[in-house]
PDB file of N, CA and C in Angstrom:
ATOM      1  N   MET A   1       0.825  -1.177   0.102  1.00  0.00           N
ATOM      2  CA  MET A   1      -0.194  -0.010  -0.268  1.00  0.00           C
ATOM      3  C   MET A   1       0.920   1.201   0.098  1.00  0.00           C
ATOM      4  N   THR A   2       0.695   2.219  -0.665  1.00  0.00           N
ATOM      5  CA  THR A   2       1.397   3.540  -0.818  1.00  0.00           C
ATOM      6  C   THR A   2       0.291   4.463   0.071  1.00  0.00           C
ATOM      7  N   LEU A   3       1.219   5.578   0.396  1.00  0.00           N
ATOM      8  CA  LEU A   3       0.655   6.749   1.123  1.00  0.00           C
ATOM      9  C   LEU A   3      -0.690   7.412   0.697  1.00  0.00           C
ATOM     10  N   ARG A   4      -0.492   7.178  -0.933  1.00  0.00           N
ATOM     11  CA  ARG A   4      -1.560   7.508  -1.885  1.00  0.00           C
ATOM     12  C   ARG A   4      -2.682   6.682  -1.478  1.00  0.00           C
ATOM     13  N   ASP A   5      -2.703   5.636  -1.402  1.00  0.00           N
ATOM     14  CA  ASP A   5      -3.611   4.515  -1.159  1.00  0.00           C
ATOM     15  C   ASP A   5      -4.386   4.684   0.235  1.00  0.00           C
ATOM     16  N   LEU A   6      -3.580   4.619   1.153  1.00  0.00           N
ATOM     17  CA  LEU A   6      -3.977   5.015   2.558  1.00  0.00           C
ATOM     18  C   LEU A   6      -4.879   6.230   2.643  1.00  0.00           C
ATOM     19  N   LEU A   7      -4.717   7.355   1.927  1.00  0.00           N
ATOM     20  CA  LEU A   7      -5.325   8.599   2.067  1.00  0.00           C
ATOM     21  C   LEU A   7      -6.783   8.277   1.323  1.00  0.00           C
ATOM     22  N   ALA A   8      -6.501   7.404   0.342  1.00  0.00           N
ATOM     23  CA  ALA A   8      -7.545   7.425  -0.601  1.00  0.00           C
ATOM     24  C   ALA A   8      -8.801   6.290   0.335  1.00  0.00           C
ATOM     25  N   ARG A   9      -8.145   5.631   0.870  1.00  0.00           N
ATOM     26  CA  ARG A   9      -9.077   4.437   1.908  1.00  0.00           C
ATOM     27  C   ARG A   9      -9.312   4.757   3.124  1.00  0.00           C
ATOM     28  N   ASP A  10      -8.630   5.577   3.781  1.00  0.00           N
ATOM     29  CA  ASP A  10      -8.779   5.778   5.216  1.00  0.00           C
ATOM     30  C   ASP A  10      -9.105   7.142   5.443  1.00  0.00           C
ATOM     31  N   PRO A  11     -10.743   7.424   5.753  1.00  0.00           N
ATOM     32  CA  PRO A  11     -11.058   8.834   5.514  1.00  0.00           C
ATOM     33  C   PRO A  11     -10.615   9.628   7.092  1.00  0.00           C
ATOM     34  N   VAL A  12     -10.393   8.943   8.061  1.00  0.00           N
ATOM     35  CA  VAL A  12      -9.671   9.558   9.228  1.00  0.00           C
ATOM     36  C   VAL A  12      -8.420   9.808   8.973  1.00  0.00           C
ATOM     37  N   CYS A  13      -7.372   9.086   8.168  1.00  0.00           N
ATOM     38  CA  CYS A  13      -6.139   9.558   8.129  1.00  0.00           C
ATOM     39  C   CYS A  13      -6.106  10.791   7.257  1.00  0.00           C
ATOM     40  N   ARG A  14      -7.232  10.829   6.252  1.00  0.00           N
ATOM     41  CA  ARG A  14      -7.314  11.954   5.078  1.00  0.00           C
ATOM     42  C   ARG A  14      -7.674  13.288   6.130  1.00  0.00           C
ATOM     43  N   ASP A  15      -8.576  13.058   6.791  1.00  0.00           N
ATOM     44  CA  ASP A  15      -9.002  14.203   7.569  1.00  0.00           C
ATOM     45  C   ASP A  15      -7.998  14.614   8.491  1.00  0.00           C
ATOM     46  N   ILE A  16      -7.061  13.959   9.151  1.00  0.00           N
ATOM     47  CA  ILE A  16      -6.071  14.373   9.711  1.00  0.00           C
ATOM     48  C   ILE A  16      -5.046  15.104   8.969  1.00  0.00           C
ATOM     49  N   VAL A  17      -4.693  14.689   7.990  1.00  0.00           N
ATOM     50  CA  VAL A  17      -3.829  15.234   6.951  1.00  0.00           C
ATOM     51  C   VAL A  17      -4.184  16.740   6.253  1.00  0.00           C
ATOM     52  N   GLU A  18      -5.587  16.438   6.026  1.00  0.00           N
ATOM     53  CA  GLU A  18      -6.132  17.720   5.513  1.00  0.00           C
ATOM     54  C   GLU A  18      -6.111  19.025   6.530  1.00  0.00           C
ATOM     55  N   TYR A  19      -6.390  18.574   7.881  1.00  0.00           N
ATOM     56  CA  TYR A  19      -6.188  19.700   8.844  1.00  0.00           C
ATOM     57  C   TYR A  19      -5.006  20.077   8.988  1.00  0.00           C
ATOM     58  N   LEU A  20      -3.922  18.903   9.028  1.00  0.00           N
ATOM     59  CA  LEU A  20      -2.501  19.628   9.128  1.00  0.00           C
ATOM     60  C   LEU A  20      -1.973  20.504   8.057  1.00  0.00           C
ATOM     61  N   MET A  21      -2.527  20.323   7.000  1.00  0.00           N
ATOM     62  CA  MET A  21      -2.154  20.957   5.537  1.00  0.00           C
ATOM     63  C   MET A  21      -2.773  22.522   5.737  1.00  0.00           C
ATOM     64  N   GLN A  22      -3.599  22.568   6.468  1.00  0.00           N
ATOM     65  CA  GLN A  22      -4.378  23.795   6.741  1.00  0.00           C
ATOM     66  C   GLN A  22      -3.803  24.637   7.883  1.00  0.00           C
ATOM     67  N   ASN A  23      -3.212  23.752   8.902  1.00  0.00           N
ATOM     68  CA  ASN A  23      -2.716  24.316  10.028  1.00  0.00           C
ATOM     69  C   ASN A  23      -1.457  23.683  10.595  1.00  0.00           C
ATOM     70  N   ASN A  24      -0.438  24.216   9.369  1.00  0.00           N
ATOM     71  CA  ASN A  24       0.908  23.508   9.595  1.00  0.00           C
ATOM     72  C   ASN A  24       1.533  23.472  10.594  1.00  0.00           C
ATOM     73  N   ASP A  25       1.293  24.293  12.021  1.00  0.00           N
ATOM     74  CA  ASP A  25       1.965  24.210  13.231  1.00  0.00           C
ATOM     75  C   ASP A  25       1.030  23.704  14.180  1.00  0.00           C
ATOM     76  N   ALA A  26       0.140  22.967  13.818  1.00  0.00           N
ATOM     77  CA  ALA A  26      -0.948  22.757  14.868  1.00  0.00           C
ATOM     78  C   ALA A  26      -0.351  21.273  15.660  1.00  0.00           C
ATOM     79  N   ALA A  27      -0.402  21.010  16.667  1.00  0.00           N
ATOM     80  CA  ALA A  27      -0.282  19.850  17.565  1.00  0.00           C
ATOM     81  C   ALA A  27      -1.193  19.561  18.687  1.00  0.00           C
ATOM     82  N   ASP A  28      -1.400  18.164  18.885  1.00  0.00           N
ATOM     83  CA  ASP A  28      -2.385  17.831  19.782  1.00  0.00           C
ATOM     84  C   ASP A  28      -2.047  16.412  20.298  1.00  0.00           C
ATOM     85  N   THR A  29      -2.777  16.074  21.306  1.00  0.00           N
ATOM     86  CA  THR A  29      -2.997  14.680  21.586  1.00  0.00           C
ATOM     87  C   THR A  29      -3.961  13.994  20.705  1.00  0.00           C
ATOM     88  N   ALA A  30      -4.058  12.691  20.448  1.00  0.00           N
ATOM     89  CA  ALA A  30      -4.566  11.809  19.916  1.00  0.00           C
ATOM     90  C   ALA A  30      -6.596  12.269  20.206  1.00  0.00           C
ATOM     91  N   ARG A  31      -6.820  12.490  21.755  1.00  0.00           N
ATOM     92  CA  ARG A  31      -7.947  12.971  22.169  1.00  0.00           C
ATOM     93  C   ARG A  31      -8.152  14.240  21.634  1.00  0.00           C
ATOM     94  N   GLY A  32      -7.271  15.113  21.761  1.00  0.00           N
ATOM     95  CA  GLY A  32      -7.648  16.525  21.265  1.00  0.00           C
ATOM     96  C   GLY A  32      -7.957  16.528  19.857  1.00  0.00           C
ATOM     97  N   ILE A  33      -7.088  15.680  18.903  1.00  0.00           N
ATOM     98  CA  ILE A  33      -7.173  15.912  17.423  1.00  0.00           C
ATOM     99  C   ILE A  33      -8.596  15.143  17.231  1.00  0.00           C
ATOM    100  N   ALA A  34      -9.019  14.108  17.813  1.00  0.00           N
ATOM    101  CA  ALA A  34     -10.415  13.477  17.681  1.00  0.00           C
ATOM    102  C   ALA A  34     -11.433  14.494  17.877  1.00  0.00           C
ATOM    103  N   GLN A  35     -11.373  15.168  18.909  1.00  0.00           N
ATOM    104  CA  GLN A  35     -12.635  15.820  19.642  1.00  0.00           C
ATOM    105  C   GLN A  35     -12.368  17.303  18.982  1.00  0.00           C
ATOM    106  N   TRP A  36     -11.360  17.906  18.655  1.00  0.00           N
ATOM    107  CA  TRP A  36     -11.273  19.316  18.032  1.00  0.00           C
ATOM    108  C   TRP A  36     -10.904  19.576  16.822  1.00  0.00           C
ATOM    109  N   TRP A  37     -10.092  18.687  16.273  1.00  0.00           N
ATOM    110  CA  TRP A  37      -9.669  18.828  14.848  1.00  0.00           C
ATOM    111  C   TRP A  37     -10.649  18.067  13.767  1.00  0.00           C
ATOM    112  N   ILE A  38     -10.921  16.826  13.985  1.00  0.00           N
ATOM    113  CA  ILE A  38     -11.626  16.014  12.929  1.00  0.00           C
ATOM    114  C   ILE A  38     -13.084  15.411  13.518  1.00  0.00           C
ATOM    115  N   ARG A  39     -13.332  15.866  14.866  1.00  0.00           N
ATOM    116  CA  ARG A  39     -14.582  15.200  15.330  1.00  0.00           C
ATOM    117  C   ARG A  39     -15.225  13.608  14.915  1.00  0.00           C
ATOM    118  N   ARG A  40     -14.072  12.758  15.439  1.00  0.00           N
ATOM    119  CA  ARG A  40     -14.103  11.648  15.240  1.00  0.00           C
ATOM    120  C   ARG A  40     -13.818  10.562  16.416  1.00  0.00           C
ATOM    121  N   ASP A  41     -14.105   9.339  16.590  1.00  0.00           N
ATOM    122  CA  ASP A  41     -13.920   8.556  17.697  1.00  0.00           C
ATOM    123  C   ASP A  41     -12.306   8.841  18.061  1.00  0.00           C
ATOM    124  N   VAL A  42     -11.990   8.586  19.433  1.00  0.00           N
ATOM    125  CA  VAL A  42     -10.633   8.565  19.607  1.00  0.00           C
ATOM    126  C   VAL A  42      -9.865   7.395  19.437  1.00  0.00           C
ATOM    127  N   ALA A  43     -10.438   6.383  19.374  1.00  0.00           N
ATOM    128  CA  ALA A  43      -9.650   4.942  19.188  1.00  0.00           C
ATOM    129  C   ALA A  43      -9.356   5.100  17.546  1.00  0.00           C
ATOM    130  N   ALA A  44     -10.224   5.375  16.937  1.00  0.00           N
ATOM    131  CA  ALA A  44     -10.064   5.233  15.289  1.00  0.00           C
ATOM    132  C   ALA A  44      -9.062   6.372  14.812  1.00  0.00           C
ATOM    133  N   THR A  45      -9.138   7.496  15.651  1.00  0.00           N
ATOM    134  CA  THR A  45      -7.853   8.675  15.419  1.00  0.00           C
ATOM    135  C   THR A  45      -6.661   8.112  15.817  1.00  0.00           C
ATOM    136  N   GLN A  46      -6.715   7.511  17.082  1.00  0.00           N
ATOM    137  CA  GLN A  46      -5.373   7.039  17.219  1.00  0.00           C
ATOM    138  C   GLN A  46      -4.641   5.908  16.280  1.00  0.00           C
ATOM    139  N   GLU A  47      -5.569   5.006  16.013  1.00  0.00           N
ATOM    140  CA  GLU A  47      -5.034   4.062  14.862  1.00  0.00           C
ATOM    141  C   GLU A  47      -4.806   4.652  13.676  1.00  0.00           C
ATOM    142  N   ALA A  48      -5.428   5.963  13.134  1.00  0.00           N
ATOM    143  CA  ALA A  48      -5.071   6.753  11.983  1.00  0.00           C
ATOM    144  C   ALA A  48      -3.716   7.353  12.408  1.00  0.00           C
ATOM    145  N   LEU A  49      -3.306   7.898  13.392  1.00  0.00           N
ATOM    146  CA  LEU A  49      -2.066   8.680  13.715  1.00  0.00           C
ATOM    147  C   LEU A  49      -1.039   7.450  13.702  1.00  0.00           C
ATOM    148  N   MET A  50      -1.316   6.366  13.995  1.00  0.00           N
ATOM    149  CA  MET A  50      -0.309   5.345  14.242  1.00  0.00           C
ATOM    150  C   MET A  50       0.394   5.052  12.761  1.00  0.00           C
ATOM    151  N   LYS A  51      -0.928   4.938  11.743  1.00  0.00           N
ATOM    152  CA  LYS A  51      -0.612   4.828  10.386  1.00  0.00           C
ATOM    153  C   LYS A  51       0.333   6.042   9.810  1.00  0.00           C
ATOM    154  N   LEU A  52      -0.125   7.161  10.012  1.00  0.00           N
ATOM    155  CA  LEU A  52       0.412   8.445   9.533  1.00  0.00           C
ATOM    156  C   LEU A  52       1.740   8.313  10.206  1.00  0.00           C
ATOM    157  N   GLN A  53       2.228   7.955  11.450  1.00  0.00           N
ATOM    158  CA  GLN A  53       3.293   8.034  11.768  1.00  0.00           C
ATOM    159  C   GLN A  53       4.271   7.101  11.130  1.00  0.00           C
ATOM    160  N   GLU A  54       3.804   6.030  10.745  1.00  0.00           N
ATOM    161  CA  GLU A  54       4.625   4.901  10.051  1.00  0.00           C
ATOM    162  C   GLU A  54       5.109   5.579   8.813  1.00  0.00           C
ATOM    163  N   TRP A  55       4.212   6.262   8.059  1.00  0.00           N
ATOM    164  CA  TRP A  55       4.731   6.934   6.802  1.00  0.00           C
ATOM    165  C   TRP A  55       5.560   8.123   6.839  1.00  0.00           C
ATOM    166  N   GLY A  56       5.488   8.713   8.213  1.00  0.00           N
ATOM    167  CA  GLY A  56       6.481   9.798   8.425  1.00  0.00           C
ATOM    168  C   GLY A  56       5.624  11.096   8.162  1.00  0.00           C
ATOM    169  N   VAL A  57       4.506  11.192   8.131  1.00  0.00           N
ATOM    170  CA  VAL A  57       3.567  12.302   7.983  1.00  0.00           C
ATOM    171  C   VAL A  57       3.438  13.047   9.300  1.00  0.00           C
ATOM    172  N   VAL A  58       2.997  12.319  10.300  1.00  0.00           N
ATOM    173  CA  VAL A  58       3.113  13.072  11.570  1.00  0.00           C
ATOM    174  C   VAL A  58       4.270  12.665  12.532  1.00  0.00           C
ATOM    175  N   GLN A  59       4.679  13.278  13.417  1.00  0.00           N
ATOM    176  CA  GLN A  59       5.803  13.187  14.182  1.00  0.00           C
ATOM    177  C   GLN A  59       5.213  13.301  15.741  1.00  0.00           C
ATOM    178  N   THR A  60       5.641  12.334  16.835  1.00  0.00           N
ATOM    179  CA  THR A  60       5.296  12.527  18.023  1.00  0.00           C
ATOM    180  C   THR A  60       6.357  13.304  18.852  1.00  0.00           C
ATOM    181  N   HIS A  61       5.736  14.105  19.724  1.00  0.00           N
ATOM    182  CA  HIS A  61       6.687  14.321  20.627  1.00  0.00           C
ATOM    183  C   HIS A  61       6.102  13.920  22.202  1.00  0.00           C
ATOM    184  N   VAL A  62       6.865  13.626  23.316  1.00  0.00           N
ATOM    185  CA  VAL A  62       6.351  13.107  24.380  1.00  0.00           C
ATOM    186  C   VAL A  62       6.660  14.168  25.220  1.00  0.00           C
ATOM    187  N   VAL A  63       5.243  14.800  25.943  1.00  0.00           N
ATOM    188  CA  VAL A  63       5.518  15.860  27.095  1.00  0.00           C
ATOM    189  C   VAL A  63       5.687  15.189  28.391  1.00  0.00           C
ATOM    190  N   GLN A  64       5.836  16.187  29.241  1.00  0.00           N
ATOM    191  CA  GLN A  64       6.354  15.708  30.536  1.00  0.00           C
ATOM    192  C   GLN A  64       5.481  14.531  31.212  1.00  0.00           C
ATOM    193  N   ASP A  65       4.315  14.405  31.215  1.00  0.00           N
ATOM    194  CA  ASP A  65       3.563  13.323  31.683  1.00  0.00           C
ATOM    195  C   ASP A  65       3.323  12.157  30.961  1.00  0.00           C
ATOM    196  N   HIS A  66       4.316  11.952  29.954  1.00  0.00           N
ATOM    197  CA  HIS A  66       4.485  10.953  29.138  1.00  0.00           C
ATOM    198  C   HIS A  66       3.241  10.813  28.155  1.00  0.00           C
ATOM    199  N   THR A  67       2.715  11.836  27.951  1.00  0.00           N
ATOM    200  CA  THR A  67       1.552  11.925  26.909  1.00  0.00           C
ATOM    201  C   THR A  67       1.976  12.244  25.484  1.00  0.00           C
ATOM    202  N   PHE A  68       1.546  11.583  24.566  1.00  0.00           N
ATOM    203  CA  PHE A  68       2.144  11.763  23.081  1.00  0.00           C
ATOM    204  C   PHE A  68       1.295  12.977  22.546  1.00  0.00           C
ATOM    205  N   VAL A  69       1.796  13.952  21.934  1.00  0.00           N
ATOM    206  CA  VAL A  69       1.451  14.664  21.115  1.00  0.00           C
ATOM    207  C   VAL A  69       1.854  14.896  19.717  1.00  0.00           C
ATOM    208  N   TYR A  70       1.016  14.811  18.826  1.00  0.00           N
ATOM    209  CA  TYR A  70       1.123  14.673  17.527  1.00  0.00           C
ATOM    210  C   TYR A  70       1.311  15.935  16.570  1.00  0.00           C
ATOM    211  N   ALA A  71       2.295  15.967  15.651  1.00  0.00           N
ATOM    212  CA  ALA A  71       2.309  17.448  14.634  1.00  0.00           C
ATOM    213  C   ALA A  71       2.738  17.010  13.443  1.00  0.00           C
ATOM    214  N   TYR A  72       2.426  17.709  12.265  1.00  0.00           N
ATOM    215  CA  TYR A  72       2.849  17.691  10.931  1.00  0.00           C
ATOM    216  C   TYR A  72       4.330  17.433  10.910  1.00  0.00           C
ATOM    217  N   THR A  73       4.807  16.468   9.958  1.00  0.00           N
ATOM    218  CA  THR A  73       6.186  16.535   9.612  1.00  0.00           C
ATOM    219  C   THR A  73       6.659  17.993   8.949  1.00  0.00           C
ATOM    220  N   LYS A  74       7.791  17.909   9.364  1.00  0.00           N
ATOM    221  CA  LYS A  74       8.681  19.309   8.985  1.00  0.00           C
ATOM    222  C   LYS A  74       9.445  18.950   7.609  1.00  0.00           C
ATOM    223  N   ARG A  75       9.211  17.672   7.223  1.00  0.00           N
ATOM    224  CA  ARG A  75       9.847  17.259   5.757  1.00  0.00           C
ATOM    225  C   ARG A  75       9.331  18.011   4.552  1.00  0.00           C
ATOM    226  N   ALA A  76       9.892  18.863   3.722  1.00  0.00           N
ATOM    227  CA  ALA A  76       9.579  19.613   2.872  1.00  0.00           C
ATOM    228  C   ALA A  76       9.138  18.698   1.571  1.00  0.00           C
ATOM    229  N   VAL A  77       9.819  17.856   1.358  1.00  0.00           N
ATOM    230  CA  VAL A  77       9.469  16.868   0.339  1.00  0.00           C
ATOM    231  C   VAL A  77       8.180  16.201   0.795  1.00  0.00           C
ATOM    232  N   LEU A  78       8.091  15.471   1.723  1.00  0.00           N
ATOM    233  CA  LEU A  78       6.708  14.907   2.025  1.00  0.00           C
ATOM    234  C   LEU A  78       5.581  15.774   2.062  1.00  0.00           C
ATOM    235  N   ARG A  79       5.644  17.099   2.562  1.00  0.00           N
ATOM    236  CA  ARG A  79       4.501  18.099   2.634  1.00  0.00           C
ATOM    237  C   ARG A  79       4.191  18.333   1.237  1.00  0.00           C
ATOM    238  N   GLN A  80       5.176  18.305   0.112  1.00  0.00           N
ATOM    239  CA  GLN A  80       4.909  18.563  -1.179  1.00  0.00           C
ATOM    240  C   GLN A  80       4.173  17.422  -1.546  1.00  0.00           C
ATOM    241  N   SER A  81       4.551  16.050  -1.423  1.00  0.00           N
ATOM    242  CA  SER A  81       3.853  15.242  -2.086  1.00  0.00           C
ATOM    243  C   SER A  81       2.505  15.139  -1.771  1.00  0.00           C
ATOM    244  N   LEU A  82       2.379  15.540  -0.228  1.00  0.00           N
ATOM    245  CA  LEU A  82       0.703  15.513   0.037  1.00  0.00           C
ATOM    246  C   LEU A  82      -0.143  16.491  -0.735  1.00  0.00           C
ATOM    247  N   VAL A  83       0.601  17.747  -1.037  1.00  0.00           N
ATOM    248  CA  VAL A  83       0.026  18.668  -1.879  1.00  0.00           C
ATOM    249  C   VAL A  83      -0.516  18.099  -3.208  1.00  0.00           C
ATOM    250  N   ARG A  84       0.408  17.350  -3.796  1.00  0.00           N
ATOM    251  CA  ARG A  84       0.141  16.768  -5.143  1.00  0.00           C
ATOM    252  C   ARG A  84      -0.985  15.750  -4.760  1.00  0.00           C
ATOM    253  N   TYR A  85      -1.028  14.945  -3.751  1.00  0.00           N
ATOM    254  CA  TYR A  85      -2.006  13.971  -3.753  1.00  0.00           C
ATOM    255  C   TYR A  85      -3.401  14.553  -3.452  1.00  0.00           C
ATOM    256  N   LEU A  86      -3.421  15.511  -2.519  1.00  0.00           N
ATOM    257  CA  LEU A  86      -4.740  16.136  -2.026  1.00  0.00           C
ATOM    258  C   LEU A  86      -5.148  17.382  -2.471  1.00  0.00           C
ATOM    259  N   GLY A  87      -4.259  18.143  -3.102  1.00  0.00           N
ATOM    260  CA  GLY A  87      -4.565  19.320  -3.855  1.00  0.00           C
ATOM    261  C   GLY A  87      -3.812  20.591  -2.671  1.00  0.00           C
ATOM    262  N   ALA A  88      -4.174  21.593  -3.229  1.00  0.00           N
ATOM    263  CA  ALA A  88      -3.212  22.884  -2.393  1.00  0.00           C
ATOM    264  C   ALA A  88      -4.137  23.119  -1.104  1.00  0.00           C
ATOM    265  N   PRO A  89      -3.131  23.567  -0.160  1.00  0.00           N
ATOM    266  CA  PRO A  89      -3.908  23.715   1.188  1.00  0.00           C
ATOM    267  C   PRO A  89      -4.681  24.934   1.046  1.00  0.00           C
ATOM    268  N   ALA A  90      -5.366  25.281   1.953  1.00  0.00           N
ATOM    269  CA  ALA A  90      -6.541  26.341   2.015  1.00  0.00           C
ATOM    270  C   ALA A  90      -5.696  27.739   1.888  1.00  0.00           C
ATOM    271  N   PRO A  91      -6.168  28.847   1.331  1.00  0.00           N
ATOM    272  CA  PRO A  91      -5.661  30.223   1.250  1.00  0.00           C
ATOM    273  C   PRO A  91      -5.311  30.671   2.701  1.00  0.00           C
ATOM    274  N   GLY A  92      -4.225  31.305   2.809  1.00  0.00           N
ATOM    275  CA  GLY A  92      -3.874  31.891   3.712  1.00  0.00           C
ATOM    276  C   GLY A  92      -2.928  30.977   4.631  1.00  0.00           C
ATOM    277  N   SER A  93      -2.712  29.526   4.364  1.00  0.00           N
ATOM    278  CA  SER A  93      -2.148  28.791   5.384  1.00  0.00           C
ATOM    279  C   SER A  93      -0.482  29.032   5.125  1.00  0.00           C
ATOM    280  N   ALA A  94      -0.009  28.661   6.212  1.00  0.00           N
ATOM    281  CA  ALA A  94       1.425  28.621   6.167  1.00  0.00           C
ATOM    282  C   ALA A  94       1.770  27.248   5.650  1.00  0.00           C
ATOM    283  N   ASN A  95       3.138  27.480   4.685  1.00  0.00           N
ATOM    284  CA  ASN A  95       3.766  26.267   4.034  1.00  0.00           C
ATOM    285  C   ASN A  95       5.240  26.114   4.739  1.00  0.00           C
TER     286      ASN A  95
END
């Protein structure tokens, strides 16, 4: 499976990536992403984040209480590939 296949087949992964493309500096926990970014089930969001992490689309950071925070990759090549797959980010978003 390619990253493009994943985004085509998994709507939760796609929702997360679309949010991050529009909010490049956003970072949150799986619960926060589920509740505030994409309004989806926390378990499904966690599963999607793990898939996106495997592809390098999201990076994790551990905060002091051992909570994982997820953020968009800083890799420009990967960000550019995602723009090609999904289209340009919304006007006014930082690249």
